[in-house]
Structures are given as C-alpha cells and as structure tokens.
C-alpha cells in the first residue's frame, strides 16, 4: 500500500473514531441510558485496538518512507488527538453517573416559591411559575434520598422525588411538582 493510502486510512480511522465516540457520548448525555455505557466501553476497546493497529502500521511506514515521513507522522498525531477526547468523555460520564439531573416542572396552576431540593446535596430554586421548568444537578454523595419542599402561597409542602439513590446511579429525570410522576425509574 502506498503512503497516500496510509495517510487516508489514518485520517478516516481518526475521524470515524471521533464521530462514533462523540455520538455514543452525546446520546448518553441526553438520555442517561445505562446500556449506552456498555456500548461505549465496547467501542473504546474495539476502536482502541483498531487505532493502535493503524497507528503502528503508519509509524512503521514513516520509518521506511523518507519522502512522506512528515505527513505520515502528522497523521499519527491526528490519531492521537482522540485519546484526550476519550478521556474527557470518560471523565464527564463519571460525573454524570454520580449526579441526578432533575427537571422540576410546575404542574400546578399557581406559582411555587422557596423550592428546596433536600437530600444527597441541597439545592434551591427561588420560584417556578405555572408550567415553568428548571433543571437542577444534584450530586450523589452516597446512599441518600431526594425530596422537594416548596411553598404554595403560605402553605409549605414536601414530597419525595427519589426514594433511594447511590453512587453510579445518576440519571436524568423529570419531576412534576403537583402532577403525576413515574416512580419506576
């Protein structure tokens, strides 16, 4: 195979690895679907092996081809850029695994004020108008539950949002204050 084909192969390998890795990470970020973590782990191993094989082949070719050495090594450098991206995606995924992302939606006909998210980590929302939503990121600090306390006029109410969470249980959920919620997540 000539050097141009090696360069093309390296660029395509780097690009496809980046695109597929980004797609898997993006879908996980948007859905918190735990099966995507498994897909991501399998992808890291498979793409890693393929990239190592192509990288080594290009590196060996660069030792033999003086005329194309610089371009072949630049291609190797391009391929190496996927490593910090993969590490960044893994780091963010670990943060997401230990974070409940809860979108609080005011399903009542009235304004809610002084909204406290209690448990794991304490958070606060000043107010939510009727129909308004706000997403809060709650760090999971171990075994805990998450409740929400809020005021409707002069009345104070407290409800359970999540009965039990623990590390590596992070999800993105929607909680309807004053409405119907899915308890089976």
N, C-alpha and C. Protein backbone atom coordinates (compact mmCIF):
# COMPACT_ATOMS: atom_id res chain seq x y z
N UNK A 1 0.86 -1.18 0.00
CA UNK A 1 0.00 0.00 0.00
C UNK A 1 0.90 1.23 0.00
N UNK A 2 0.55 2.22 -0.82
CA UNK A 2 1.40 3.41 -0.88
C UNK A 2 1.11 4.35 0.30
N UNK A 3 1.96 5.32 0.48
CA UNK A 3 1.89 6.21 1.64
C UNK A 3 0.61 7.03 1.67
N UNK A 4 0.14 7.46 0.52
CA UNK A 4 -1.11 8.24 0.47
C UNK A 4 -2.28 7.45 1.05
N UNK A 5 -2.31 6.16 0.76
CA UNK A 5 -3.38 5.31 1.28
C UNK A 5 -3.26 5.16 2.80
N UNK A 6 -2.07 5.08 3.31
CA UNK A 6 -1.86 5.02 4.76
C UNK A 6 -2.37 6.31 5.42
N UNK A 7 -2.03 7.43 4.79
CA UNK A 7 -2.46 8.73 5.33
C UNK A 7 -3.99 8.80 5.33
N UNK A 8 -4.60 8.41 4.23
CA UNK A 8 -6.06 8.42 4.13
C UNK A 8 -6.69 7.48 5.16
N UNK A 9 -6.13 6.29 5.31
CA UNK A 9 -6.64 5.32 6.28
C UNK A 9 -6.55 5.88 7.70
N UNK A 10 -5.43 6.50 8.04
CA UNK A 10 -5.25 7.08 9.37
C UNK A 10 -6.24 8.19 9.65
N UNK A 11 -6.44 9.06 8.66
CA UNK A 11 -7.39 10.18 8.83
C UNK A 11 -8.82 9.67 8.99
N UNK A 12 -9.21 8.70 8.16
CA UNK A 12 -10.55 8.15 8.25
C UNK A 12 -10.76 7.40 9.57
N UNK A 13 -9.74 6.68 10.01
CA UNK A 13 -9.84 5.97 11.29
C UNK A 13 -10.02 6.96 12.43
N UNK A 14 -9.23 8.04 12.42
CA UNK A 14 -9.34 9.06 13.46
C UNK A 14 -10.71 9.74 13.41
N UNK A 15 -11.16 10.10 12.22
CA UNK A 15 -12.44 10.80 12.08
C UNK A 15 -13.61 9.92 12.51
N UNK A 16 -13.64 8.69 12.02
CA UNK A 16 -14.75 7.80 12.37
C UNK A 16 -14.75 7.46 13.86
N UNK A 17 -13.58 7.28 14.43
CA UNK A 17 -13.50 7.01 15.88
C UNK A 17 -14.05 8.20 16.66
N UNK A 18 -13.67 9.40 16.25
CA UNK A 18 -14.16 10.61 16.93
C UNK A 18 -15.68 10.74 16.77
N UNK A 19 -16.18 10.56 15.55
CA UNK A 19 -17.61 10.74 15.32
C UNK A 19 -18.45 9.71 16.07
N UNK A 20 -18.08 8.44 16.00
CA UNK A 20 -18.84 7.41 16.71
C UNK A 20 -18.74 7.58 18.22
N UNK A 21 -17.56 7.89 18.72
CA UNK A 21 -17.39 8.13 20.15
C UNK A 21 -18.21 9.31 20.63
N UNK A 22 -18.21 10.38 19.86
CA UNK A 22 -19.00 11.56 20.21
C UNK A 22 -20.50 11.26 20.16
N UNK A 23 -20.92 10.49 19.18
CA UNK A 23 -22.33 10.12 19.07
C UNK A 23 -22.76 9.30 20.29
N UNK A 24 -21.98 8.31 20.68
CA UNK A 24 -22.32 7.48 21.84
C UNK A 24 -22.36 8.34 23.10
N UNK A 25 -21.35 9.19 23.28
CA UNK A 25 -21.31 10.07 24.46
C UNK A 25 -22.50 11.03 24.45
N UNK A 26 -22.79 11.64 23.31
CA UNK A 26 -23.90 12.59 23.21
C UNK A 26 -25.24 11.94 23.54
N UNK A 27 -25.45 10.74 23.03
CA UNK A 27 -26.69 10.03 23.34
C UNK A 27 -26.78 9.70 24.83
N UNK A 28 -25.66 9.30 25.41
CA UNK A 28 -25.67 9.02 26.85
C UNK A 28 -25.95 10.30 27.64
N UNK A 29 -25.33 11.39 27.26
CA UNK A 29 -25.54 12.66 27.95
C UNK A 29 -27.01 13.07 27.90
N UNK A 30 -27.65 12.89 26.75
CA UNK A 30 -29.04 13.30 26.58
C UNK A 30 -30.05 12.34 27.20
N UNK A 31 -29.70 11.06 27.32
CA UNK A 31 -30.70 10.08 27.77
C UNK A 31 -30.38 9.42 29.11
N UNK A 32 -29.13 9.41 29.53
CA UNK A 32 -28.68 8.68 30.72
C UNK A 32 -28.99 7.18 30.63
N UNK A 33 -29.13 6.66 29.42
CA UNK A 33 -29.42 5.24 29.23
C UNK A 33 -28.16 4.42 29.57
N UNK A 34 -28.26 3.59 30.61
CA UNK A 34 -27.08 2.87 31.08
C UNK A 34 -26.54 1.88 30.05
N UNK A 35 -27.38 1.38 29.15
CA UNK A 35 -26.88 0.46 28.13
C UNK A 35 -25.90 1.17 27.19
N UNK A 36 -25.97 2.48 27.07
CA UNK A 36 -25.01 3.21 26.25
C UNK A 36 -23.62 3.22 26.88
N UNK A 37 -23.56 3.10 28.21
CA UNK A 37 -22.24 2.98 28.86
C UNK A 37 -21.56 1.70 28.41
N UNK A 38 -22.32 0.62 28.37
CA UNK A 38 -21.77 -0.66 27.92
C UNK A 38 -21.32 -0.55 26.47
N UNK A 39 -22.15 0.06 25.62
CA UNK A 39 -21.79 0.27 24.22
C UNK A 39 -20.51 1.10 24.14
N UNK A 40 -20.42 2.13 24.98
CA UNK A 40 -19.23 2.98 25.00
C UNK A 40 -17.97 2.22 25.39
N UNK A 41 -18.08 1.36 26.41
CA UNK A 41 -16.92 0.58 26.83
C UNK A 41 -16.46 -0.36 25.71
N UNK A 42 -17.41 -1.03 25.08
CA UNK A 42 -17.07 -1.94 23.97
C UNK A 42 -16.43 -1.13 22.83
N UNK A 43 -17.01 0.05 22.55
CA UNK A 43 -16.47 0.89 21.48
C UNK A 43 -15.03 1.31 21.78
N UNK A 44 -14.77 1.70 23.04
CA UNK A 44 -13.42 2.13 23.41
C UNK A 44 -12.40 1.01 23.16
N UNK A 45 -12.76 -0.19 23.54
CA UNK A 45 -11.84 -1.33 23.35
C UNK A 45 -11.64 -1.60 21.86
N UNK A 46 -12.75 -1.72 21.11
CA UNK A 46 -12.66 -2.04 19.68
C UNK A 46 -11.94 -0.93 18.91
N UNK A 47 -12.36 0.31 19.13
CA UNK A 47 -11.72 1.43 18.42
C UNK A 47 -10.26 1.57 18.84
N UNK A 48 -9.97 1.31 20.11
CA UNK A 48 -8.59 1.38 20.58
C UNK A 48 -7.70 0.37 19.87
N UNK A 49 -8.18 -0.84 19.74
CA UNK A 49 -7.39 -1.87 19.06
C UNK A 49 -7.19 -1.53 17.58
N UNK A 50 -8.24 -1.10 16.93
CA UNK A 50 -8.14 -0.72 15.51
C UNK A 50 -7.18 0.46 15.35
N UNK A 51 -7.35 1.48 16.20
CA UNK A 51 -6.49 2.66 16.10
C UNK A 51 -5.03 2.32 16.36
N UNK A 52 -4.78 1.45 17.33
CA UNK A 52 -3.39 1.05 17.62
C UNK A 52 -2.79 0.34 16.41
N UNK A 53 -3.57 -0.56 15.80
CA UNK A 53 -3.07 -1.27 14.62
C UNK A 53 -2.74 -0.33 13.48
N UNK A 54 -3.65 0.59 13.18
CA UNK A 54 -3.42 1.55 12.10
C UNK A 54 -2.26 2.48 12.45
N UNK A 55 -2.22 2.94 13.71
CA UNK A 55 -1.16 3.84 14.16
C UNK A 55 0.22 3.19 13.99
N UNK A 56 0.34 1.96 14.43
CA UNK A 56 1.63 1.25 14.33
C UNK A 56 2.01 1.05 12.86
N UNK A 57 1.04 0.69 12.03
CA UNK A 57 1.33 0.50 10.60
C UNK A 57 1.82 1.80 9.96
N UNK A 58 1.19 2.91 10.30
CA UNK A 58 1.61 4.21 9.75
C UNK A 58 2.99 4.59 10.28
N UNK A 59 3.22 4.36 11.55
CA UNK A 59 4.51 4.67 12.14
C UNK A 59 5.63 3.86 11.48
N UNK A 60 5.40 2.59 11.26
CA UNK A 60 6.40 1.75 10.58
C UNK A 60 6.62 2.25 9.15
N UNK A 61 5.53 2.60 8.48
CA UNK A 61 5.64 3.13 7.11
C UNK A 61 6.45 4.43 7.11
N UNK A 62 6.28 5.26 8.15
CA UNK A 62 7.02 6.54 8.20
C UNK A 62 8.52 6.31 8.38
N UNK A 63 8.91 5.19 8.96
CA UNK A 63 10.34 4.88 9.11
C UNK A 63 10.97 4.51 7.77
N UNK A 64 10.15 3.96 6.88
CA UNK A 64 10.65 3.49 5.58
C UNK A 64 10.53 4.55 4.49
N UNK A 65 9.58 5.44 4.61
CA UNK A 65 9.28 6.42 3.56
C UNK A 65 9.79 7.80 3.96
N UNK A 66 10.96 8.17 3.56
CA UNK A 66 11.55 9.46 3.91
C UNK A 66 10.73 10.60 3.30
N UNK A 67 10.30 10.44 2.06
CA UNK A 67 9.57 11.48 1.35
C UNK A 67 8.24 11.82 2.03
N UNK A 68 7.55 10.84 2.59
CA UNK A 68 6.23 11.05 3.21
C UNK A 68 6.29 11.04 4.74
N UNK A 69 7.49 10.98 5.29
CA UNK A 69 7.65 10.83 6.75
C UNK A 69 6.87 11.89 7.53
N UNK A 70 7.00 13.15 7.15
CA UNK A 70 6.34 14.22 7.91
C UNK A 70 4.82 14.07 7.87
N UNK A 71 4.26 13.82 6.71
CA UNK A 71 2.80 13.67 6.58
C UNK A 71 2.29 12.43 7.30
N UNK A 72 3.05 11.35 7.26
CA UNK A 72 2.66 10.13 7.96
C UNK A 72 2.66 10.37 9.47
N UNK A 73 3.66 11.06 9.96
CA UNK A 73 3.73 11.33 11.40
C UNK A 73 2.67 12.34 11.84
N UNK A 74 2.33 13.29 10.97
CA UNK A 74 1.23 14.21 11.28
C UNK A 74 -0.09 13.44 11.38
N UNK A 75 -0.24 12.44 10.53
CA UNK A 75 -1.43 11.59 10.60
C UNK A 75 -1.46 10.83 11.93
N UNK A 76 -0.31 10.34 12.36
CA UNK A 76 -0.23 9.69 13.68
C UNK A 76 -0.63 10.67 14.78
N UNK A 77 -0.16 11.90 14.68
CA UNK A 77 -0.52 12.93 15.66
C UNK A 77 -2.02 13.19 15.68
N UNK A 78 -2.60 13.23 14.49
CA UNK A 78 -4.06 13.42 14.39
C UNK A 78 -4.79 12.28 15.09
N UNK A 79 -4.32 11.08 14.89
CA UNK A 79 -4.95 9.92 15.53
C UNK A 79 -4.83 10.01 17.05
N UNK A 80 -3.72 10.52 17.54
CA UNK A 80 -3.51 10.63 18.98
C UNK A 80 -4.45 11.64 19.64
N UNK A 81 -4.99 12.57 18.86
CA UNK A 81 -5.92 13.57 19.42
C UNK A 81 -7.19 12.93 19.98
N UNK A 82 -7.53 11.74 19.53
CA UNK A 82 -8.71 11.06 20.06
C UNK A 82 -8.53 10.61 21.50
N UNK A 83 -7.30 10.44 21.95
CA UNK A 83 -7.07 9.98 23.32
C UNK A 83 -7.55 11.00 24.35
N UNK A 84 -7.17 12.29 24.25
CA UNK A 84 -7.71 13.23 25.25
C UNK A 84 -9.23 13.39 25.15
N UNK A 85 -9.79 13.25 23.94
CA UNK A 85 -11.25 13.34 23.81
C UNK A 85 -11.90 12.17 24.54
N UNK A 86 -11.37 10.97 24.38
CA UNK A 86 -11.91 9.79 25.05
C UNK A 86 -11.80 9.95 26.56
N UNK A 87 -10.68 10.45 27.04
CA UNK A 87 -10.51 10.66 28.48
C UNK A 87 -11.50 11.70 29.00
N UNK A 88 -11.72 12.77 28.22
CA UNK A 88 -12.70 13.79 28.61
C UNK A 88 -14.10 13.20 28.68
N UNK A 89 -14.49 12.43 27.67
CA UNK A 89 -15.82 11.81 27.67
C UNK A 89 -15.98 10.86 28.85
N UNK A 90 -14.94 10.09 29.17
CA UNK A 90 -15.00 9.18 30.33
C UNK A 90 -15.13 9.96 31.63
N UNK A 91 -14.39 11.06 31.75
CA UNK A 91 -14.44 11.90 32.95
C UNK A 91 -15.84 12.49 33.13
N UNK A 92 -16.42 13.04 32.08
CA UNK A 92 -17.78 13.61 32.18
C UNK A 92 -18.79 12.51 32.48
N UNK A 93 -18.62 11.34 31.88
CA UNK A 93 -19.53 10.22 32.16
C UNK A 93 -19.48 9.82 33.63
N UNK A 94 -18.31 9.83 34.22
CA UNK A 94 -18.19 9.51 35.65
C UNK A 94 -18.91 10.55 36.50
N UNK A 95 -18.83 11.80 36.10
CA UNK A 95 -19.56 12.85 36.82
C UNK A 95 -21.06 12.61 36.69
N UNK A 96 -21.52 12.29 35.48
CA UNK A 96 -22.94 12.06 35.25
C UNK A 96 -23.45 10.85 36.04
N UNK A 97 -22.62 9.83 36.18
CA UNK A 97 -23.02 8.65 36.95
C UNK A 97 -23.27 8.98 38.42
N UNK A 98 -22.66 10.05 38.91
CA UNK A 98 -22.81 10.44 40.30
C UNK A 98 -23.59 11.74 40.46
N UNK A 99 -24.49 11.98 39.50
CA UNK A 99 -25.30 13.19 39.51
C UNK A 99 -26.72 12.86 39.09
N UNK A 100 -27.68 13.33 39.87
CA UNK A 100 -29.09 13.27 39.45
C UNK A 100 -29.39 14.61 38.77
N UNK A 101 -29.78 14.54 37.51
CA UNK A 101 -30.20 15.75 36.80
C UNK A 101 -31.72 15.72 36.81
N UNK A 102 -32.31 16.59 37.60
CA UNK A 102 -33.75 16.56 37.81
C UNK A 102 -34.36 17.83 37.23
N UNK A 103 -35.27 17.65 36.27
CA UNK A 103 -36.01 18.78 35.72
C UNK A 103 -37.30 18.90 36.51
N UNK A 104 -37.40 19.95 37.31
CA UNK A 104 -38.60 20.20 38.10
C UNK A 104 -39.57 21.02 37.24
N UNK A 105 -40.78 20.51 37.12
CA UNK A 105 -41.82 21.17 36.32
C UNK A 105 -42.98 21.52 37.23
N UNK A 106 -43.39 22.76 37.20
CA UNK A 106 -44.54 23.20 38.00
C UNK A 106 -45.82 22.82 37.27
N UNK A 107 -46.46 21.75 37.72
CA UNK A 107 -47.71 21.28 37.11
C UNK A 107 -48.94 21.88 37.77
N UNK A 108 -48.74 22.77 38.74
CA UNK A 108 -49.87 23.38 39.42
C UNK A 108 -50.34 24.60 38.64
N UNK A 109 -51.42 25.18 39.09
CA UNK A 109 -51.95 26.40 38.48
C UNK A 109 -51.40 27.65 39.16
N UNK A 110 -50.56 27.47 40.18
CA UNK A 110 -50.06 28.60 40.96
C UNK A 110 -48.53 28.67 40.92
N UNK A 111 -48.02 29.81 41.28
CA UNK A 111 -46.58 29.98 41.39
C UNK A 111 -46.07 29.23 42.63
N UNK A 112 -44.95 28.55 42.47
CA UNK A 112 -44.29 27.88 43.59
C UNK A 112 -43.07 28.71 43.98
N UNK A 113 -42.86 28.87 45.29
CA UNK A 113 -41.73 29.66 45.75
C UNK A 113 -40.92 28.87 46.77
N UNK A 114 -39.74 29.39 47.04
CA UNK A 114 -38.86 28.82 48.07
C UNK A 114 -38.75 27.30 47.92
N UNK A 115 -38.33 26.86 46.75
CA UNK A 115 -38.25 25.43 46.43
C UNK A 115 -36.89 24.91 46.86
N UNK A 116 -36.90 23.98 47.82
CA UNK A 116 -35.67 23.39 48.33
C UNK A 116 -35.59 21.93 47.90
N UNK A 117 -34.48 21.56 47.34
CA UNK A 117 -34.21 20.17 46.99
C UNK A 117 -33.32 19.65 48.11
N UNK A 118 -33.81 18.64 48.83
CA UNK A 118 -33.18 18.18 50.06
C UNK A 118 -32.74 16.72 49.90
N UNK A 119 -31.58 16.41 50.41
CA UNK A 119 -31.02 15.06 50.34
C UNK A 119 -29.75 15.11 49.52
N UNK A 120 -28.99 14.05 49.52
CA UNK A 120 -27.73 13.98 48.77
C UNK A 120 -26.98 15.31 48.84
N UNK A 121 -27.50 16.29 48.19
CA UNK A 121 -26.91 17.62 48.14
C UNK A 121 -28.07 18.61 48.13
N UNK A 122 -27.98 19.69 48.89
CA UNK A 122 -29.07 20.66 48.97
C UNK A 122 -28.96 21.68 47.85
N UNK A 123 -30.08 21.92 47.19
CA UNK A 123 -30.16 22.91 46.11
C UNK A 123 -31.40 23.77 46.36
N UNK A 124 -31.49 24.89 45.65
CA UNK A 124 -32.61 25.81 45.86
C UNK A 124 -33.04 26.44 44.54
N UNK A 125 -34.34 26.57 44.37
CA UNK A 125 -34.92 27.32 43.25
C UNK A 125 -35.81 28.39 43.88
N UNK A 126 -35.62 29.65 43.51
CA UNK A 126 -36.42 30.72 44.11
C UNK A 126 -37.90 30.57 43.82
N UNK A 127 -38.24 30.40 42.52
CA UNK A 127 -39.66 30.25 42.18
C UNK A 127 -39.81 29.61 40.81
N UNK A 128 -40.97 29.00 40.62
CA UNK A 128 -41.36 28.44 39.33
C UNK A 128 -42.79 28.88 39.05
N UNK A 129 -42.97 29.55 37.93
CA UNK A 129 -44.32 29.93 37.53
C UNK A 129 -45.07 28.68 37.06
N UNK A 130 -46.37 28.75 36.99
CA UNK A 130 -47.17 27.63 36.49
C UNK A 130 -46.71 27.26 35.08
N UNK A 131 -46.40 25.97 34.87
CA UNK A 131 -45.94 25.50 33.56
C UNK A 131 -44.45 25.65 33.32
N UNK A 132 -43.75 26.31 34.21
CA UNK A 132 -42.31 26.55 34.04
C UNK A 132 -41.51 25.35 34.55
N UNK A 133 -40.32 25.13 33.96
CA UNK A 133 -39.43 24.04 34.36
C UNK A 133 -38.03 24.57 34.60
N UNK A 134 -37.30 23.87 35.46
CA UNK A 134 -35.89 24.20 35.69
C UNK A 134 -35.17 22.91 36.05
N UNK A 135 -33.99 22.71 35.45
CA UNK A 135 -33.19 21.53 35.72
C UNK A 135 -32.13 21.83 36.77
N UNK A 136 -32.05 20.95 37.76
CA UNK A 136 -31.09 21.08 38.85
C UNK A 136 -30.20 19.84 38.85
N UNK A 137 -28.90 20.03 38.99
CA UNK A 137 -27.95 18.93 39.07
C UNK A 137 -27.65 18.69 40.54
N UNK A 138 -27.99 17.50 41.03
CA UNK A 138 -27.79 17.15 42.43
C UNK A 138 -26.71 16.07 42.51
N UNK A 139 -25.62 16.37 43.17
CA UNK A 139 -24.54 15.40 43.32
C UNK A 139 -24.96 14.28 44.26
N UNK A 140 -24.63 13.05 43.89
CA UNK A 140 -24.92 11.90 44.74
C UNK A 140 -23.71 11.68 45.63
N UNK A 141 -23.93 11.80 46.94
CA UNK A 141 -22.82 11.74 47.89
C UNK A 141 -22.76 10.42 48.64
N UNK A 142 -23.48 9.43 48.18
CA UNK A 142 -23.56 8.13 48.84
C UNK A 142 -25.02 7.68 48.82
N UNK A 143 -25.39 6.82 49.74
CA UNK A 143 -26.78 6.37 49.83
C UNK A 143 -27.63 7.50 50.40
N UNK A 144 -28.65 7.91 49.65
CA UNK A 144 -29.50 9.00 50.10
C UNK A 144 -30.81 9.00 49.32
N UNK A 145 -31.71 9.87 49.74
CA UNK A 145 -32.95 10.09 49.01
C UNK A 145 -33.02 11.57 48.67
N UNK A 146 -33.92 11.91 47.75
CA UNK A 146 -34.07 13.31 47.35
C UNK A 146 -35.54 13.70 47.51
N UNK A 147 -35.77 14.78 48.25
CA UNK A 147 -37.11 15.32 48.44
C UNK A 147 -37.14 16.75 47.93
N UNK A 148 -38.35 17.24 47.70
CA UNK A 148 -38.53 18.64 47.33
C UNK A 148 -39.54 19.25 48.30
N UNK A 149 -39.18 20.41 48.83
CA UNK A 149 -40.08 21.17 49.70
C UNK A 149 -40.32 22.51 49.03
N UNK A 150 -41.56 22.95 49.02
CA UNK A 150 -41.90 24.18 48.31
C UNK A 150 -43.09 24.85 48.97
N UNK A 151 -43.25 26.12 48.67
CA UNK A 151 -44.38 26.90 49.20
C UNK A 151 -45.34 27.22 48.08
N UNK A 152 -46.62 27.02 48.39
CA UNK A 152 -47.71 27.44 47.51
C UNK A 152 -48.51 28.44 48.33
N UNK A 153 -48.32 29.72 48.03
CA UNK A 153 -48.90 30.75 48.89
C UNK A 153 -48.24 30.67 50.25
N UNK A 154 -49.04 30.52 51.32
CA UNK A 154 -48.49 30.43 52.67
C UNK A 154 -48.35 28.97 53.13
N UNK A 155 -48.72 28.03 52.29
CA UNK A 155 -48.68 26.61 52.64
C UNK A 155 -47.35 26.00 52.19
N UNK A 156 -46.72 25.23 53.09
CA UNK A 156 -45.44 24.56 52.80
C UNK A 156 -45.71 23.07 52.60
N UNK A 157 -45.18 22.50 51.51
CA UNK A 157 -45.37 21.07 51.23
C UNK A 157 -44.02 20.43 50.97
N UNK A 158 -43.94 19.12 51.26
CA UNK A 158 -42.73 18.36 50.97
C UNK A 158 -43.13 17.04 50.34
N UNK A 159 -42.43 16.67 49.25
CA UNK A 159 -42.70 15.43 48.51
C UNK A 159 -41.40 14.69 48.26
N UNK A 160 -41.51 13.38 48.12
CA UNK A 160 -40.35 12.56 47.77
C UNK A 160 -40.17 12.58 46.26
N UNK A 161 -38.96 12.88 45.82
CA UNK A 161 -38.64 12.88 44.39
C UNK A 161 -38.06 11.52 44.01
N UNK A 162 -37.04 11.10 44.75
CA UNK A 162 -36.40 9.80 44.54
C UNK A 162 -36.20 9.18 45.92
N UNK A 163 -36.76 7.99 46.13
CA UNK A 163 -36.67 7.34 47.44
C UNK A 163 -35.28 6.86 47.80
N UNK A 164 -34.51 6.46 46.80
CA UNK A 164 -33.17 5.95 47.08
C UNK A 164 -32.27 6.13 45.87
N UNK A 165 -31.12 6.73 46.09
CA UNK A 165 -30.07 6.81 45.07
C UNK A 165 -28.75 6.48 45.75
N UNK A 166 -27.81 6.05 44.95
CA UNK A 166 -26.48 5.77 45.44
C UNK A 166 -25.48 6.07 44.33
N UNK A 167 -24.22 6.06 44.66
CA UNK A 167 -23.19 6.35 43.65
C UNK A 167 -23.38 5.46 42.43
N UNK A 168 -23.04 5.97 41.29
CA UNK A 168 -23.16 5.30 39.99
C UNK A 168 -24.62 5.05 39.60
N UNK A 169 -25.55 5.80 40.18
CA UNK A 169 -26.97 5.65 39.89
C UNK A 169 -27.51 6.90 39.18
N UNK A 170 -26.62 7.80 38.77
CA UNK A 170 -27.05 9.07 38.19
C UNK A 170 -27.98 8.90 37.00
N UNK A 171 -28.99 9.71 36.95
CA UNK A 171 -29.98 9.68 35.87
C UNK A 171 -30.44 11.11 35.59
N UNK A 172 -31.16 11.24 34.51
CA UNK A 172 -31.82 12.49 34.19
C UNK A 172 -33.31 12.19 34.22
N UNK A 173 -34.00 12.82 35.17
CA UNK A 173 -35.44 12.57 35.31
C UNK A 173 -36.22 13.87 35.28
N UNK A 174 -37.51 13.73 35.08
CA UNK A 174 -38.42 14.88 35.13
C UNK A 174 -39.34 14.64 36.32
N UNK A 175 -39.50 15.65 37.16
CA UNK A 175 -40.40 15.56 38.31
C UNK A 175 -41.45 16.66 38.19
N UNK A 176 -42.70 16.24 38.12
CA UNK A 176 -43.82 17.17 38.01
C UNK A 176 -44.30 17.53 39.41
N UNK A 177 -44.01 18.75 39.85
CA UNK A 177 -44.47 19.18 41.16
C UNK A 177 -45.97 19.43 41.04
N UNK A 178 -46.74 18.72 41.86
CA UNK A 178 -48.19 18.84 41.82
C UNK A 178 -48.85 18.03 40.71
N UNK A 179 -48.09 17.14 40.09
CA UNK A 179 -48.62 16.34 38.99
C UNK A 179 -48.26 14.88 39.14
N UNK A 180 -48.47 14.12 38.10
CA UNK A 180 -48.20 12.67 38.10
C UNK A 180 -46.74 12.44 37.76
N UNK A 181 -46.11 11.53 38.52
CA UNK A 181 -44.70 11.20 38.30
C UNK A 181 -44.55 9.70 38.14
N UNK A 182 -43.53 9.31 37.39
CA UNK A 182 -43.19 7.91 37.21
C UNK A 182 -42.25 7.50 38.32
N UNK A 183 -42.71 6.63 39.21
CA UNK A 183 -41.89 6.18 40.34
C UNK A 183 -40.99 5.02 39.96
N UNK A 184 -41.14 4.47 38.76
CA UNK A 184 -40.44 3.25 38.41
C UNK A 184 -39.12 3.43 37.69
N UNK A 185 -38.44 4.56 37.83
CA UNK A 185 -37.18 4.70 37.12
C UNK A 185 -36.12 4.01 37.90
